[in-house]
Amino acid sequence: MPARSRARKRALDILYESELRGLTLGATLAHRLATAEQPLNEYTVQLVEGVIAHRDRIDELISTYSEGWTLERMPAVDRNVLRIGVYEVLYRDDVPDPVALDEAVTLARDLSTDQSPTFVNGLLGRLVAIKPSLSA
C-alpha cells in the first residue's frame, strides 16, 4: 500500500476514533502524536489538521450535496471518508481530484457498507464537477 494511502487510512482512524469517543479532533491527534510507537506520517497529520481547520465548510458542502442523507444519518466511516476526500479536493493542489476520489472510494469499499463506495463516489464526483464554482 502506498504511503499516502496508509496516511489516509491512519487519518480516518483518528477522525473516527475522535468521533466515537466524543473527543475533539485536536485532542485525539495530540494524543496519537504523543503516544504513537512510530511517528505519524506527516501527510496523516496534514490531513487531520486540514479537516480540523476547514471542518465547518467541509460539513456544509457534504450536507448540501448529499441527496437524501443528513450528515448525522451517514455512517461514521462514510462521514469521515468524505471529510478527507472533500479536504483533498478543495484544499490540496498536490492531489489530483481523480486520485482523491479513488482513494476515498477505496476506503469506503474496504471499511464501510456495500452501498458506501457508490455514495462516496457520487457525492465527491458532484463536488469535483462543480469545484470551479465553489469557494473554499
N, C-alpha and C. Protein backbone atom coordinates (compact mmCIF):
# COMPACT_ATOMS: atom_id res chain seq x y z
N MET A 1 0.85 -1.17 0.00
CA MET A 1 0.00 0.00 0.00
C MET A 1 0.90 1.24 0.00
N PRO A 2 0.64 2.16 -0.91
CA PRO A 2 1.45 3.39 -0.98
C PRO A 2 1.36 4.21 0.32
N ALA A 3 2.38 5.00 0.56
CA ALA A 3 2.48 5.78 1.80
C ALA A 3 1.29 6.72 2.00
N ARG A 4 0.87 7.39 0.95
CA ARG A 4 -0.26 8.32 1.11
C ARG A 4 -1.56 7.57 1.37
N SER A 5 -1.72 6.39 0.81
CA SER A 5 -2.91 5.58 1.10
C SER A 5 -2.93 5.18 2.57
N ARG A 6 -1.78 4.77 3.08
CA ARG A 6 -1.68 4.44 4.51
C ARG A 6 -1.95 5.67 5.37
N ALA A 7 -1.45 6.82 4.93
CA ALA A 7 -1.66 8.06 5.68
C ALA A 7 -3.15 8.41 5.73
N ARG A 8 -3.86 8.21 4.62
CA ARG A 8 -5.30 8.47 4.61
C ARG A 8 -6.03 7.53 5.55
N LYS A 9 -5.65 6.27 5.54
CA LYS A 9 -6.27 5.28 6.43
C LYS A 9 -6.03 5.67 7.88
N ARG A 10 -4.83 6.09 8.19
CA ARG A 10 -4.49 6.49 9.57
C ARG A 10 -5.25 7.76 9.96
N ALA A 11 -5.38 8.70 9.04
CA ALA A 11 -6.16 9.91 9.31
C ALA A 11 -7.63 9.54 9.57
N LEU A 12 -8.15 8.61 8.79
CA LEU A 12 -9.52 8.15 9.00
C LEU A 12 -9.66 7.52 10.38
N ASP A 13 -8.68 6.73 10.79
CA ASP A 13 -8.70 6.12 12.12
C ASP A 13 -8.81 7.20 13.20
N ILE A 14 -8.04 8.27 13.06
CA ILE A 14 -8.03 9.34 14.05
C ILE A 14 -9.38 10.07 14.06
N LEU A 15 -9.89 10.39 12.88
CA LEU A 15 -11.18 11.08 12.80
C LEU A 15 -12.30 10.22 13.39
N TYR A 16 -12.29 8.95 13.04
CA TYR A 16 -13.31 8.02 13.52
C TYR A 16 -13.22 7.83 15.03
N GLU A 17 -12.01 7.64 15.54
CA GLU A 17 -11.81 7.48 16.98
C GLU A 17 -12.30 8.71 17.74
N SER A 18 -11.96 9.87 17.24
CA SER A 18 -12.36 11.10 17.88
C SER A 18 -13.88 11.19 17.98
N GLU A 19 -14.53 10.86 16.90
CA GLU A 19 -15.99 10.92 16.88
C GLU A 19 -16.61 9.90 17.82
N LEU A 20 -16.12 8.68 17.80
CA LEU A 20 -16.69 7.64 18.65
C LEU A 20 -16.47 7.92 20.13
N ARG A 21 -15.33 8.48 20.46
CA ARG A 21 -15.02 8.75 21.87
C ARG A 21 -15.53 10.11 22.34
N GLY A 22 -16.08 10.90 21.41
CA GLY A 22 -16.61 12.20 21.77
C GLY A 22 -15.54 13.21 22.13
N LEU A 23 -14.37 13.06 21.53
CA LEU A 23 -13.25 13.96 21.79
C LEU A 23 -13.10 14.96 20.66
N THR A 24 -12.42 16.05 20.92
CA THR A 24 -12.12 16.96 19.83
C THR A 24 -11.04 16.34 18.96
N LEU A 25 -11.05 16.70 17.70
CA LEU A 25 -10.04 16.18 16.79
C LEU A 25 -8.64 16.57 17.22
N GLY A 26 -8.51 17.79 17.68
CA GLY A 26 -7.20 18.25 18.12
C GLY A 26 -6.66 17.43 19.28
N ALA A 27 -7.53 17.08 20.22
CA ALA A 27 -7.11 16.28 21.38
C ALA A 27 -6.73 14.87 20.95
N THR A 28 -7.49 14.29 20.05
CA THR A 28 -7.18 12.94 19.58
C THR A 28 -5.86 12.93 18.82
N LEU A 29 -5.66 13.91 17.96
CA LEU A 29 -4.41 13.99 17.21
C LEU A 29 -3.23 14.19 18.16
N ALA A 30 -3.37 15.08 19.12
CA ALA A 30 -2.28 15.32 20.09
C ALA A 30 -1.96 14.05 20.87
N HIS A 31 -2.99 13.32 21.27
CA HIS A 31 -2.78 12.06 22.00
C HIS A 31 -2.04 11.06 21.13
N ARG A 32 -2.45 10.93 19.88
CA ARG A 32 -1.78 10.00 18.97
C ARG A 32 -0.34 10.41 18.73
N LEU A 33 -0.09 11.69 18.58
CA LEU A 33 1.28 12.15 18.36
C LEU A 33 2.16 11.87 19.58
N ALA A 34 1.60 12.00 20.76
CA ALA A 34 2.37 11.81 21.99
C ALA A 34 2.60 10.34 22.33
N THR A 35 1.68 9.47 21.92
CA THR A 35 1.76 8.08 22.36
C THR A 35 2.09 7.08 21.25
N ALA A 36 2.22 7.52 20.04
CA ALA A 36 2.48 6.60 18.93
C ALA A 36 3.86 5.96 19.08
N GLU A 37 3.91 4.65 18.90
CA GLU A 37 5.19 3.95 18.95
C GLU A 37 6.09 4.38 17.80
N GLN A 38 5.46 4.61 16.66
CA GLN A 38 6.18 5.13 15.49
C GLN A 38 5.60 6.50 15.18
N PRO A 39 6.43 7.42 14.73
CA PRO A 39 5.90 8.76 14.41
C PRO A 39 4.80 8.66 13.34
N LEU A 40 3.79 9.51 13.47
CA LEU A 40 2.74 9.56 12.46
C LEU A 40 3.32 10.13 11.17
N ASN A 41 2.87 9.60 10.06
CA ASN A 41 3.24 10.12 8.76
C ASN A 41 2.82 11.58 8.68
N GLU A 42 3.67 12.42 8.14
CA GLU A 42 3.40 13.85 8.05
C GLU A 42 2.11 14.11 7.27
N TYR A 43 1.82 13.31 6.26
CA TYR A 43 0.60 13.53 5.49
C TYR A 43 -0.64 13.20 6.33
N THR A 44 -0.54 12.21 7.22
CA THR A 44 -1.65 11.92 8.14
C THR A 44 -1.95 13.15 8.97
N VAL A 45 -0.91 13.76 9.53
CA VAL A 45 -1.08 14.95 10.36
C VAL A 45 -1.67 16.09 9.53
N GLN A 46 -1.19 16.27 8.32
CA GLN A 46 -1.70 17.33 7.46
C GLN A 46 -3.18 17.13 7.15
N LEU A 47 -3.58 15.88 6.90
CA LEU A 47 -4.99 15.60 6.61
C LEU A 47 -5.87 15.92 7.81
N VAL A 48 -5.49 15.44 8.98
CA VAL A 48 -6.30 15.68 10.18
C VAL A 48 -6.34 17.18 10.49
N GLU A 49 -5.19 17.84 10.44
CA GLU A 49 -5.17 19.28 10.70
C GLU A 49 -5.98 20.05 9.66
N GLY A 50 -5.95 19.60 8.41
CA GLY A 50 -6.74 20.24 7.35
C GLY A 50 -8.23 20.09 7.58
N VAL A 51 -8.65 18.90 7.98
CA VAL A 51 -10.07 18.68 8.29
C VAL A 51 -10.48 19.54 9.48
N ILE A 52 -9.62 19.63 10.49
CA ILE A 52 -9.91 20.47 11.66
C ILE A 52 -10.09 21.93 11.22
N ALA A 53 -9.16 22.42 10.42
CA ALA A 53 -9.18 23.83 10.02
C ALA A 53 -10.38 24.19 9.15
N HIS A 54 -10.85 23.25 8.35
CA HIS A 54 -11.90 23.54 7.37
C HIS A 54 -13.19 22.76 7.62
N ARG A 55 -13.33 22.21 8.80
CA ARG A 55 -14.45 21.29 9.06
C ARG A 55 -15.82 21.92 8.83
N ASP A 56 -16.04 23.15 9.24
CA ASP A 56 -17.35 23.76 9.05
C ASP A 56 -17.72 23.81 7.57
N ARG A 57 -16.80 24.27 6.75
CA ARG A 57 -17.07 24.36 5.30
C ARG A 57 -17.22 22.98 4.69
N ILE A 58 -16.37 22.04 5.09
CA ILE A 58 -16.44 20.68 4.57
C ILE A 58 -17.80 20.06 4.91
N ASP A 59 -18.21 20.17 6.17
CA ASP A 59 -19.50 19.60 6.58
C ASP A 59 -20.67 20.28 5.89
N GLU A 60 -20.55 21.59 5.68
CA GLU A 60 -21.59 22.32 4.95
C GLU A 60 -21.75 21.77 3.53
N LEU A 61 -20.64 21.53 2.86
CA LEU A 61 -20.69 21.00 1.49
C LEU A 61 -21.24 19.58 1.46
N ILE A 62 -20.80 18.75 2.39
CA ILE A 62 -21.31 17.38 2.44
C ILE A 62 -22.81 17.40 2.68
N SER A 63 -23.27 18.22 3.61
CA SER A 63 -24.70 18.31 3.91
C SER A 63 -25.50 18.83 2.72
N THR A 64 -24.96 19.81 2.05
CA THR A 64 -25.66 20.43 0.93
C THR A 64 -25.79 19.49 -0.26
N TYR A 65 -24.76 18.73 -0.56
CA TYR A 65 -24.75 17.94 -1.79
C TYR A 65 -25.03 16.46 -1.61
N SER A 66 -25.25 16.00 -0.40
CA SER A 66 -25.64 14.61 -0.20
C SER A 66 -27.15 14.53 -0.32
N GLU A 67 -27.61 13.78 -1.29
CA GLU A 67 -29.04 13.71 -1.56
C GLU A 67 -29.68 12.67 -0.65
N GLY A 68 -30.63 13.13 0.15
CA GLY A 68 -31.39 12.22 0.98
C GLY A 68 -30.70 11.78 2.26
N TRP A 69 -29.54 12.34 2.56
CA TRP A 69 -28.80 11.95 3.77
C TRP A 69 -28.38 13.19 4.53
N THR A 70 -28.69 13.23 5.81
CA THR A 70 -28.14 14.27 6.65
C THR A 70 -26.76 13.79 7.10
N LEU A 71 -25.95 14.70 7.51
CA LEU A 71 -24.61 14.37 7.99
C LEU A 71 -24.69 13.40 9.17
N GLU A 72 -25.63 13.64 10.06
CA GLU A 72 -25.77 12.80 11.25
C GLU A 72 -26.24 11.39 10.92
N ARG A 73 -26.97 11.24 9.84
CA ARG A 73 -27.53 9.93 9.47
C ARG A 73 -26.52 9.04 8.74
N MET A 74 -25.48 9.63 8.19
CA MET A 74 -24.46 8.85 7.47
C MET A 74 -23.70 7.96 8.44
N PRO A 75 -23.26 6.80 7.97
CA PRO A 75 -22.35 6.01 8.81
C PRO A 75 -21.10 6.84 9.13
N ALA A 76 -20.60 6.69 10.33
CA ALA A 76 -19.45 7.50 10.78
C ALA A 76 -18.24 7.34 9.86
N VAL A 77 -18.02 6.13 9.36
CA VAL A 77 -16.89 5.92 8.45
C VAL A 77 -17.09 6.74 7.18
N ASP A 78 -18.28 6.69 6.60
CA ASP A 78 -18.55 7.44 5.37
C ASP A 78 -18.37 8.94 5.60
N ARG A 79 -18.91 9.43 6.69
CA ARG A 79 -18.83 10.85 7.01
C ARG A 79 -17.36 11.31 7.06
N ASN A 80 -16.52 10.51 7.68
CA ASN A 80 -15.11 10.88 7.82
C ASN A 80 -14.30 10.63 6.56
N VAL A 81 -14.64 9.61 5.80
CA VAL A 81 -14.02 9.42 4.48
C VAL A 81 -14.33 10.63 3.60
N LEU A 82 -15.57 11.08 3.64
CA LEU A 82 -15.96 12.24 2.84
C LEU A 82 -15.23 13.50 3.31
N ARG A 83 -15.06 13.66 4.59
CA ARG A 83 -14.32 14.84 5.09
C ARG A 83 -12.91 14.87 4.53
N ILE A 84 -12.25 13.72 4.55
CA ILE A 84 -10.89 13.66 3.99
C ILE A 84 -10.93 13.93 2.49
N GLY A 85 -11.87 13.30 1.79
CA GLY A 85 -11.97 13.49 0.34
C GLY A 85 -12.25 14.93 -0.05
N VAL A 86 -13.20 15.56 0.64
CA VAL A 86 -13.52 16.96 0.33
C VAL A 86 -12.32 17.85 0.64
N TYR A 87 -11.65 17.59 1.74
CA TYR A 87 -10.45 18.37 2.06
C TYR A 87 -9.42 18.25 0.93
N GLU A 88 -9.17 17.04 0.47
CA GLU A 88 -8.17 16.88 -0.59
C GLU A 88 -8.61 17.55 -1.89
N VAL A 89 -9.88 17.42 -2.23
CA VAL A 89 -10.37 18.01 -3.48
C VAL A 89 -10.29 19.54 -3.44
N LEU A 90 -10.69 20.13 -2.33
CA LEU A 90 -10.77 21.59 -2.28
C LEU A 90 -9.49 22.29 -1.82
N TYR A 91 -8.71 21.63 -1.00
CA TYR A 91 -7.61 22.35 -0.35
C TYR A 91 -6.21 21.80 -0.65
N ARG A 92 -6.11 20.70 -1.35
CA ARG A 92 -4.79 20.12 -1.63
C ARG A 92 -4.54 20.15 -3.14
N ASP A 93 -3.79 21.13 -3.59
CA ASP A 93 -3.47 21.24 -5.01
C ASP A 93 -2.51 20.15 -5.47
N ASP A 94 -1.81 19.51 -4.52
CA ASP A 94 -0.85 18.47 -4.88
C ASP A 94 -1.51 17.10 -5.07
N VAL A 95 -2.82 17.02 -4.85
CA VAL A 95 -3.54 15.75 -5.03
C VAL A 95 -4.53 15.94 -6.18
N PRO A 96 -4.33 15.23 -7.29
CA PRO A 96 -5.30 15.33 -8.39
C PRO A 96 -6.68 14.86 -7.93
N ASP A 97 -7.71 15.53 -8.40
CA ASP A 97 -9.08 15.18 -8.00
C ASP A 97 -9.41 13.70 -8.21
N PRO A 98 -9.04 13.11 -9.36
CA PRO A 98 -9.35 11.68 -9.54
C PRO A 98 -8.68 10.78 -8.49
N VAL A 99 -7.49 11.17 -8.04
CA VAL A 99 -6.80 10.39 -7.01
C VAL A 99 -7.55 10.51 -5.69
N ALA A 100 -7.93 11.72 -5.31
CA ALA A 100 -8.68 11.92 -4.06
C ALA A 100 -9.98 11.13 -4.09
N LEU A 101 -10.67 11.16 -5.21
CA LEU A 101 -11.93 10.44 -5.35
C LEU A 101 -11.70 8.93 -5.26
N ASP A 102 -10.72 8.42 -5.98
CA ASP A 102 -10.43 6.99 -5.98
C ASP A 102 -10.01 6.50 -4.59
N GLU A 103 -9.19 7.27 -3.91
CA GLU A 103 -8.75 6.88 -2.57
C GLU A 103 -9.92 6.85 -1.59
N ALA A 104 -10.81 7.82 -1.68
CA ALA A 104 -11.98 7.85 -0.80
C ALA A 104 -12.90 6.66 -1.06
N VAL A 105 -13.11 6.35 -2.32
CA VAL A 105 -13.96 5.21 -2.68
C VAL A 105 -13.33 3.92 -2.18
N THR A 106 -12.03 3.78 -2.30
CA THR A 106 -11.34 2.59 -1.81
C THR A 106 -11.49 2.44 -0.31
N LEU A 107 -11.32 3.52 0.44
CA LEU A 107 -11.52 3.46 1.89
C LEU A 107 -12.95 3.05 2.22
N ALA A 108 -13.92 3.62 1.54
CA ALA A 108 -15.32 3.27 1.78
C ALA A 108 -15.58 1.80 1.44
N ARG A 109 -15.01 1.34 0.34
CA ARG A 109 -15.20 -0.07 -0.06
C ARG A 109 -14.59 -1.01 0.96
N ASP A 110 -13.41 -0.67 1.46
CA ASP A 110 -12.71 -1.56 2.38
C ASP A 110 -13.25 -1.51 3.80
N LEU A 111 -13.85 -0.39 4.21
CA LEU A 111 -14.16 -0.21 5.62
C LEU A 111 -15.63 0.06 5.96
N SER A 112 -16.48 0.21 4.96
CA SER A 112 -17.86 0.58 5.27
C SER A 112 -18.85 -0.37 4.62
N THR A 113 -20.05 0.10 4.39
CA THR A 113 -21.14 -0.74 3.89
C THR A 113 -21.01 -1.01 2.40
N ASP A 114 -21.81 -1.91 1.89
CA ASP A 114 -21.78 -2.24 0.46
C ASP A 114 -22.21 -1.04 -0.40
N GLN A 115 -23.07 -0.20 0.12
CA GLN A 115 -23.56 0.96 -0.63
C GLN A 115 -22.62 2.17 -0.52
N SER A 116 -21.71 2.14 0.42
CA SER A 116 -20.86 3.31 0.69
C SER A 116 -19.98 3.74 -0.48
N PRO A 117 -19.32 2.82 -1.20
CA PRO A 117 -18.48 3.29 -2.31
C PRO A 117 -19.26 4.09 -3.36
N THR A 118 -20.46 3.65 -3.67
CA THR A 118 -21.28 4.36 -4.65
C THR A 118 -21.68 5.73 -4.13
N PHE A 119 -22.07 5.78 -2.86
CA PHE A 119 -22.46 7.04 -2.23
C PHE A 119 -21.29 8.03 -2.21
N VAL A 120 -20.13 7.58 -1.75
CA VAL A 120 -18.94 8.43 -1.67
C VAL A 120 -18.54 8.90 -3.06
N ASN A 121 -18.54 7.99 -4.02
CA ASN A 121 -18.18 8.34 -5.39
C ASN A 121 -19.14 9.39 -5.95
N GLY A 122 -20.44 9.21 -5.73
CA GLY A 122 -21.42 10.15 -6.26
C GLY A 122 -21.28 11.53 -5.66
N LEU A 123 -21.13 11.60 -4.35
CA LEU A 123 -21.05 12.90 -3.69
C LEU A 123 -19.74 13.62 -4.05
N LEU A 124 -18.63 12.93 -3.95
CA LEU A 124 -17.36 13.57 -4.30
C LEU A 124 -17.31 13.91 -5.79
N GLY A 125 -17.87 13.05 -6.62
CA GLY A 125 -17.92 13.33 -8.06
C GLY A 125 -18.69 14.60 -8.35
N ARG A 126 -19.81 14.80 -7.65
CA ARG A 126 -20.59 16.03 -7.79
C ARG A 126 -19.76 17.25 -7.40
N LEU A 127 -19.04 17.14 -6.29
CA LEU A 127 -18.22 18.27 -5.84
C LEU A 127 -17.08 18.56 -6.80
N VAL A 128 -16.45 17.52 -7.33
CA VAL A 128 -15.40 17.73 -8.33
C VAL A 128 -15.96 18.44 -9.55
N ALA A 129 -17.16 18.04 -9.99
CA ALA A 129 -17.77 18.63 -11.18
C ALA A 129 -18.07 20.11 -11.00
N ILE A 130 -18.46 20.50 -9.80
CA ILE A 130 -18.80 21.91 -9.57
C ILE A 130 -17.70 22.68 -8.84
N LYS A 131 -16.57 22.05 -8.67
CA LYS A 131 -15.44 22.66 -7.93
C LYS A 131 -15.12 24.08 -8.37
N PRO A 132 -15.10 24.38 -9.66
CA PRO A 132 -14.77 25.76 -10.05
C PRO A 132 -15.75 26.80 -9.50
N SER A 133 -16.99 26.39 -9.22
CA SER A 133 -17.97 27.36 -8.72
C SER A 133 -18.01 27.41 -7.20
N LEU A 134 -17.26 26.53 -6.53
CA LEU A 134 -17.26 26.50 -5.07
C LEU A 134 -16.17 27.42 -4.53
N SER A 135 -16.49 28.11 -3.49
CA SER A 135 -15.44 28.86 -2.80
C SER A 135 -15.02 28.05 -1.60
N ALA A 136 -13.73 27.87 -1.44
CA ALA A 136 -13.21 27.08 -0.33
C ALA A 136 -13.49 27.81 0.95
